[in-house]
Amino acid sequence: MLEHVEVVLSKEAQTEFDDLPLSMKKRVLDVLLRLENWPNVSGAKRLTGDRKGWARVRTGDWRVIFRPEHDQIVVERIAHRREVYE
């Protein structure tokens, strides 16, 4: 049986989530629920460069950027693809 990993949002990610339109909130919430099954998450891509050790999941034009840590996933950003890597 797979164990679930705790998913926590940084202060910035929580603010970004709260500001999303309702339809996008539902899609991002689905991604957050999928992250509980880390590392068995389809569509997750490891990042490189300055964000080595981080990963992202796409939902439409939006990105959920996160860091896997020991027994939890820390979501750092939830933003449109134009802004998320700034």
Protein backbone atom coordinates (compact mmCIF):
# COMPACT_ATOMS: atom_id res chain seq x y z
CA MET A 1 0.00 0.00 0.00
CA LEU A 2 1.30 3.45 -0.88
CA GLU A 3 1.77 6.00 1.85
CA HIS A 4 0.68 9.56 1.28
CA VAL A 5 3.11 12.44 1.58
CA GLU A 6 2.01 15.64 3.30
CA VAL A 7 1.69 18.60 0.89
CA VAL A 8 2.28 22.04 2.43
CA LEU A 9 2.12 25.44 0.76
CA SER A 10 4.62 28.20 1.41
CA LYS A 11 3.17 31.55 2.41
CA GLU A 12 3.67 32.83 -1.16
CA ALA A 13 2.04 29.74 -2.70
CA GLN A 14 -0.94 30.02 -0.33
CA THR A 15 -1.46 33.66 -1.35
CA GLU A 16 -1.18 32.73 -5.03
CA PHE A 17 -3.67 29.88 -4.56
CA ASP A 18 -6.14 32.17 -2.74
CA ASP A 19 -5.99 34.67 -5.62
CA LEU A 20 -6.71 32.12 -8.37
CA PRO A 21 -10.02 32.13 -10.25
CA LEU A 22 -12.36 29.41 -8.96
CA SER A 23 -12.02 27.20 -12.06
CA MET A 24 -8.21 27.23 -11.77
CA LYS A 25 -8.36 26.60 -8.01
CA LYS A 26 -10.13 23.32 -8.72
CA ARG A 27 -7.47 22.28 -11.23
CA VAL A 28 -4.61 23.22 -8.89
CA LEU A 29 -6.30 21.41 -6.00
CA ASP A 30 -6.35 18.26 -8.18
CA VAL A 31 -2.58 18.68 -8.72
CA LEU A 32 -2.00 19.12 -4.96
CA LEU A 33 -3.94 15.92 -4.26
CA ARG A 34 -1.86 14.10 -6.90
CA LEU A 35 1.33 15.30 -5.19
CA GLU A 36 0.34 13.31 -2.08
CA ASN A 37 1.41 10.22 -4.07
CA TRP A 38 4.97 11.49 -4.64
CA PRO A 39 7.11 10.18 -6.33
CA ASN A 40 4.40 8.44 -8.41
CA VAL A 41 3.07 11.67 -9.95
CA SER A 42 2.47 11.74 -13.68
CA GLY A 43 3.57 14.88 -15.48
CA ALA A 44 6.05 16.01 -12.83
CA LYS A 45 9.30 17.31 -14.27
CA ARG A 46 12.51 17.93 -12.36
CA LEU A 47 13.94 21.43 -12.74
CA THR A 48 17.57 22.31 -13.44
CA GLY A 49 19.89 25.23 -12.86
CA ASP A 50 19.13 27.43 -9.86
CA ARG A 51 16.13 25.26 -9.01
CA LYS A 52 17.91 21.91 -9.06
CA GLY A 53 16.13 19.59 -6.62
CA TRP A 54 12.78 21.22 -7.34
CA ALA A 55 10.08 20.01 -9.69
CA ARG A 56 6.99 21.28 -11.44
CA VAL A 57 3.60 20.06 -12.59
CA ARG A 58 1.67 21.83 -15.35
CA THR A 59 -2.04 22.39 -15.41
CA GLY A 60 -2.88 24.32 -18.56
CA ASP A 61 -0.76 27.48 -18.64
CA TRP A 62 -0.23 27.35 -14.86
CA ARG A 63 2.66 25.76 -13.01
CA VAL A 64 2.90 24.31 -9.51
CA ILE A 65 6.56 24.51 -8.40
CA PHE A 66 7.53 22.33 -5.44
CA ARG A 67 10.40 20.80 -3.50
CA PRO A 68 10.25 17.20 -2.33
CA GLU A 69 11.56 16.98 1.23
CA HIS A 70 11.87 13.98 3.54
CA ASP A 71 8.22 13.22 4.27
CA GLN A 72 6.52 16.19 2.66
CA ILE A 73 6.16 18.24 -0.51
CA VAL A 74 6.66 21.99 -0.10
CA VAL A 75 4.83 23.96 -2.80
CA GLU A 76 6.77 27.17 -3.41
CA ARG A 77 4.86 28.81 -6.27
CA ILE A 78 1.55 28.55 -8.12
CA ALA A 79 1.65 30.93 -11.06
CA HIS A 80 1.10 31.42 -14.76
CA ARG A 81 3.93 30.14 -16.93
CA ARG A 82 4.87 33.73 -17.89
CA GLU A 83 5.65 34.62 -14.27
CA VAL A 84 6.47 31.44 -12.41
CA TYR A 85 10.21 31.26 -13.09
CA GLU A 86 10.96 34.94 -12.31
